[in-house]
Amino acid sequence: MKERPYYQYMKTQLGTKTDIGNLADHIADDMSFPKYSNNYDEISDYLEKNPYLNISLDTFDESFSNYTEWLQS
């Protein structure tokens, strides 16, 4: 199993024409995002306190699920 932060997974989604790709674009531009975290609660809490325009937390949940699958590949 890989040991990589969520941010690294999201970099693989940059520029894709999906909700997750849109989230990845916002995260890449956010200098305060917790780039070294792999903790769901920490990242979710950050996104709740610092919401991105037109991005739902459901998109984050889906991306985090994809991230955990990516770690196991």
N, C-alpha and C. Protein backbone atom coordinates (compact mmCIF):
# COMPACT_ATOMS: atom_id res chain seq x y z
N MET A 1 0.84 -1.19 0.00
CA MET A 1 0.00 0.00 0.00
C MET A 1 0.89 1.25 0.00
N LYS A 2 0.52 2.23 -0.81
CA LYS A 2 1.25 3.49 -0.88
C LYS A 2 1.00 4.31 0.38
N GLU A 3 1.95 5.14 0.72
CA GLU A 3 1.79 6.09 1.83
C GLU A 3 1.98 7.48 1.25
N ARG A 4 0.93 8.02 0.69
CA ARG A 4 1.00 9.32 0.03
C ARG A 4 -0.13 10.20 0.56
N PRO A 5 0.11 11.50 0.63
CA PRO A 5 -0.95 12.40 1.09
C PRO A 5 -2.06 12.54 0.05
N TYR A 6 -3.22 12.91 0.53
CA TYR A 6 -4.39 13.14 -0.32
C TYR A 6 -4.07 14.16 -1.42
N TYR A 7 -3.33 15.19 -1.08
CA TYR A 7 -2.96 16.23 -2.05
C TYR A 7 -2.25 15.62 -3.27
N GLN A 8 -1.39 14.66 -3.04
CA GLN A 8 -0.67 14.05 -4.16
C GLN A 8 -1.63 13.31 -5.10
N TYR A 9 -2.62 12.63 -4.53
CA TYR A 9 -3.64 11.99 -5.37
C TYR A 9 -4.39 13.05 -6.17
N MET A 10 -4.78 14.12 -5.51
CA MET A 10 -5.57 15.15 -6.19
C MET A 10 -4.79 15.80 -7.33
N LYS A 11 -3.48 15.83 -7.26
CA LYS A 11 -2.68 16.36 -8.36
C LYS A 11 -2.87 15.51 -9.62
N THR A 12 -3.20 14.23 -9.46
CA THR A 12 -3.43 13.38 -10.62
C THR A 12 -4.76 13.70 -11.29
N GLN A 13 -5.62 14.45 -10.60
CA GLN A 13 -6.94 14.79 -11.12
C GLN A 13 -7.00 16.19 -11.72
N LEU A 14 -5.91 16.93 -11.66
CA LEU A 14 -5.89 18.31 -12.17
C LEU A 14 -6.29 18.35 -13.64
N GLY A 15 -7.14 19.30 -13.95
CA GLY A 15 -7.53 19.53 -15.34
C GLY A 15 -8.59 18.60 -15.90
N THR A 16 -8.99 17.59 -15.14
CA THR A 16 -10.05 16.71 -15.64
C THR A 16 -11.38 17.46 -15.57
N LYS A 17 -12.24 17.18 -16.51
CA LYS A 17 -13.52 17.89 -16.62
C LYS A 17 -14.60 17.19 -15.80
N THR A 18 -14.33 17.06 -14.49
CA THR A 18 -15.26 16.43 -13.56
C THR A 18 -15.34 17.30 -12.31
N ASP A 19 -16.28 16.99 -11.43
CA ASP A 19 -16.36 17.71 -10.16
C ASP A 19 -15.08 17.51 -9.35
N ILE A 20 -14.54 16.30 -9.39
CA ILE A 20 -13.30 16.03 -8.66
C ILE A 20 -12.13 16.82 -9.27
N GLY A 21 -12.11 16.91 -10.58
CA GLY A 21 -11.08 17.73 -11.24
C GLY A 21 -11.19 19.19 -10.86
N ASN A 22 -12.42 19.68 -10.75
CA ASN A 22 -12.65 21.05 -10.32
C ASN A 22 -12.16 21.25 -8.89
N LEU A 23 -12.44 20.30 -8.02
CA LEU A 23 -11.95 20.34 -6.64
C LEU A 23 -10.42 20.34 -6.63
N ALA A 24 -9.82 19.50 -7.45
CA ALA A 24 -8.36 19.43 -7.52
C ALA A 24 -7.77 20.77 -7.94
N ASP A 25 -8.41 21.43 -8.89
CA ASP A 25 -7.94 22.75 -9.33
C ASP A 25 -7.97 23.76 -8.18
N HIS A 26 -9.05 23.75 -7.40
CA HIS A 26 -9.16 24.65 -6.25
C HIS A 26 -8.09 24.34 -5.21
N ILE A 27 -7.90 23.06 -4.93
CA ILE A 27 -6.91 22.66 -3.93
C ILE A 27 -5.51 23.09 -4.37
N ALA A 28 -5.19 22.92 -5.64
CA ALA A 28 -3.86 23.29 -6.14
C ALA A 28 -3.60 24.78 -5.98
N ASP A 29 -4.65 25.59 -6.06
CA ASP A 29 -4.51 27.04 -5.93
C ASP A 29 -4.55 27.54 -4.49
N ASP A 30 -4.88 26.65 -3.55
CA ASP A 30 -5.07 27.02 -2.14
C ASP A 30 -3.77 26.82 -1.37
N MET A 31 -3.09 27.90 -1.08
CA MET A 31 -1.80 27.81 -0.39
C MET A 31 -1.93 27.32 1.06
N SER A 32 -3.13 27.38 1.63
CA SER A 32 -3.31 26.97 3.03
C SER A 32 -3.79 25.53 3.16
N PHE A 33 -4.09 24.86 2.05
CA PHE A 33 -4.60 23.49 2.11
C PHE A 33 -3.58 22.59 2.81
N PRO A 34 -4.04 21.66 3.67
CA PRO A 34 -3.12 20.76 4.38
C PRO A 34 -2.52 19.71 3.43
N LYS A 35 -1.47 20.09 2.73
CA LYS A 35 -0.90 19.29 1.64
C LYS A 35 -0.29 17.96 2.07
N TYR A 36 0.07 17.83 3.32
CA TYR A 36 0.74 16.59 3.75
C TYR A 36 -0.17 15.66 4.53
N SER A 37 -1.45 15.98 4.59
CA SER A 37 -2.38 15.18 5.37
C SER A 37 -2.96 14.04 4.54
N ASN A 38 -3.22 12.93 5.23
CA ASN A 38 -3.98 11.83 4.65
C ASN A 38 -5.16 11.49 5.56
N ASN A 39 -5.49 12.42 6.46
CA ASN A 39 -6.52 12.21 7.46
C ASN A 39 -7.85 12.80 6.98
N TYR A 40 -8.84 11.94 6.81
CA TYR A 40 -10.16 12.37 6.32
C TYR A 40 -10.73 13.49 7.16
N ASP A 41 -10.74 13.33 8.49
CA ASP A 41 -11.37 14.32 9.36
C ASP A 41 -10.68 15.68 9.27
N GLU A 42 -9.36 15.67 9.23
CA GLU A 42 -8.61 16.93 9.14
C GLU A 42 -8.93 17.67 7.83
N ILE A 43 -8.94 16.95 6.73
CA ILE A 43 -9.20 17.58 5.43
C ILE A 43 -10.66 18.01 5.33
N SER A 44 -11.57 17.16 5.77
CA SER A 44 -12.99 17.50 5.75
C SER A 44 -13.26 18.75 6.59
N ASP A 45 -12.67 18.81 7.77
CA ASP A 45 -12.83 19.98 8.64
C ASP A 45 -12.29 21.23 7.95
N TYR A 46 -11.15 21.11 7.29
CA TYR A 46 -10.59 22.26 6.57
C TYR A 46 -11.55 22.74 5.49
N LEU A 47 -12.09 21.80 4.72
CA LEU A 47 -12.99 22.17 3.63
C LEU A 47 -14.32 22.74 4.13
N GLU A 48 -14.77 22.28 5.29
CA GLU A 48 -15.99 22.85 5.88
C GLU A 48 -15.76 24.29 6.32
N LYS A 49 -14.58 24.58 6.84
CA LYS A 49 -14.26 25.92 7.32
C LYS A 49 -13.81 26.85 6.20
N ASN A 50 -13.36 26.28 5.08
CA ASN A 50 -12.85 27.06 3.95
C ASN A 50 -13.47 26.54 2.65
N PRO A 51 -14.78 26.71 2.50
CA PRO A 51 -15.45 26.11 1.33
C PRO A 51 -15.01 26.75 0.02
N TYR A 52 -15.01 25.95 -1.03
CA TYR A 52 -14.73 26.43 -2.38
C TYR A 52 -16.05 26.66 -3.09
N LEU A 53 -16.10 27.68 -3.91
CA LEU A 53 -17.29 28.03 -4.65
C LEU A 53 -17.72 26.87 -5.56
N ASN A 54 -18.99 26.50 -5.46
CA ASN A 54 -19.60 25.45 -6.30
C ASN A 54 -19.00 24.06 -6.10
N ILE A 55 -18.42 23.79 -4.94
CA ILE A 55 -17.89 22.45 -4.64
C ILE A 55 -18.62 21.92 -3.41
N SER A 56 -19.21 20.74 -3.54
CA SER A 56 -19.92 20.16 -2.39
C SER A 56 -18.99 19.20 -1.64
N LEU A 57 -19.33 18.98 -0.38
CA LEU A 57 -18.55 18.02 0.40
C LEU A 57 -18.76 16.60 -0.11
N ASP A 58 -19.86 16.36 -0.82
CA ASP A 58 -20.05 15.05 -1.45
C ASP A 58 -18.94 14.77 -2.46
N THR A 59 -18.51 15.80 -3.15
CA THR A 59 -17.40 15.65 -4.11
C THR A 59 -16.13 15.25 -3.37
N PHE A 60 -15.89 15.90 -2.23
CA PHE A 60 -14.73 15.52 -1.41
C PHE A 60 -14.84 14.07 -0.97
N ASP A 61 -16.02 13.67 -0.48
CA ASP A 61 -16.21 12.29 -0.02
C ASP A 61 -15.90 11.29 -1.14
N GLU A 62 -16.39 11.58 -2.33
CA GLU A 62 -16.13 10.70 -3.47
C GLU A 62 -14.63 10.67 -3.80
N SER A 63 -14.01 11.83 -3.79
CA SER A 63 -12.57 11.87 -4.10
C SER A 63 -11.75 11.16 -3.04
N PHE A 64 -12.16 11.25 -1.79
CA PHE A 64 -11.41 10.57 -0.73
C PHE A 64 -11.55 9.06 -0.85
N SER A 65 -12.72 8.61 -1.24
CA SER A 65 -12.92 7.18 -1.49
C SER A 65 -12.02 6.72 -2.64
N ASN A 66 -11.97 7.52 -3.71
CA ASN A 66 -11.08 7.19 -4.83
C ASN A 66 -9.62 7.20 -4.39
N TYR A 67 -9.27 8.13 -3.52
CA TYR A 67 -7.92 8.23 -2.98
C TYR A 67 -7.53 6.95 -2.23
N THR A 68 -8.43 6.46 -1.39
CA THR A 68 -8.10 5.24 -0.63
C THR A 68 -7.91 4.04 -1.55
N GLU A 69 -8.69 3.98 -2.63
CA GLU A 69 -8.52 2.92 -3.63
C GLU A 69 -7.18 3.09 -4.36
N TRP A 70 -6.83 4.31 -4.68
CA TRP A 70 -5.57 4.63 -5.36
C TRP A 70 -4.37 4.21 -4.49
N LEU A 71 -4.49 4.40 -3.18
CA LEU A 71 -3.41 4.00 -2.28
C LEU A 71 -3.14 2.49 -2.33
N GLN A 72 -4.19 1.73 -2.57
CA GLN A 72 -4.06 0.27 -2.57
C GLN A 72 -3.66 -0.31 -3.92
N SER A 73 -3.62 0.54 -4.94
CA SER A 73 -3.27 0.02 -6.27
C SER A 73 -1.76 -0.04 -6.48
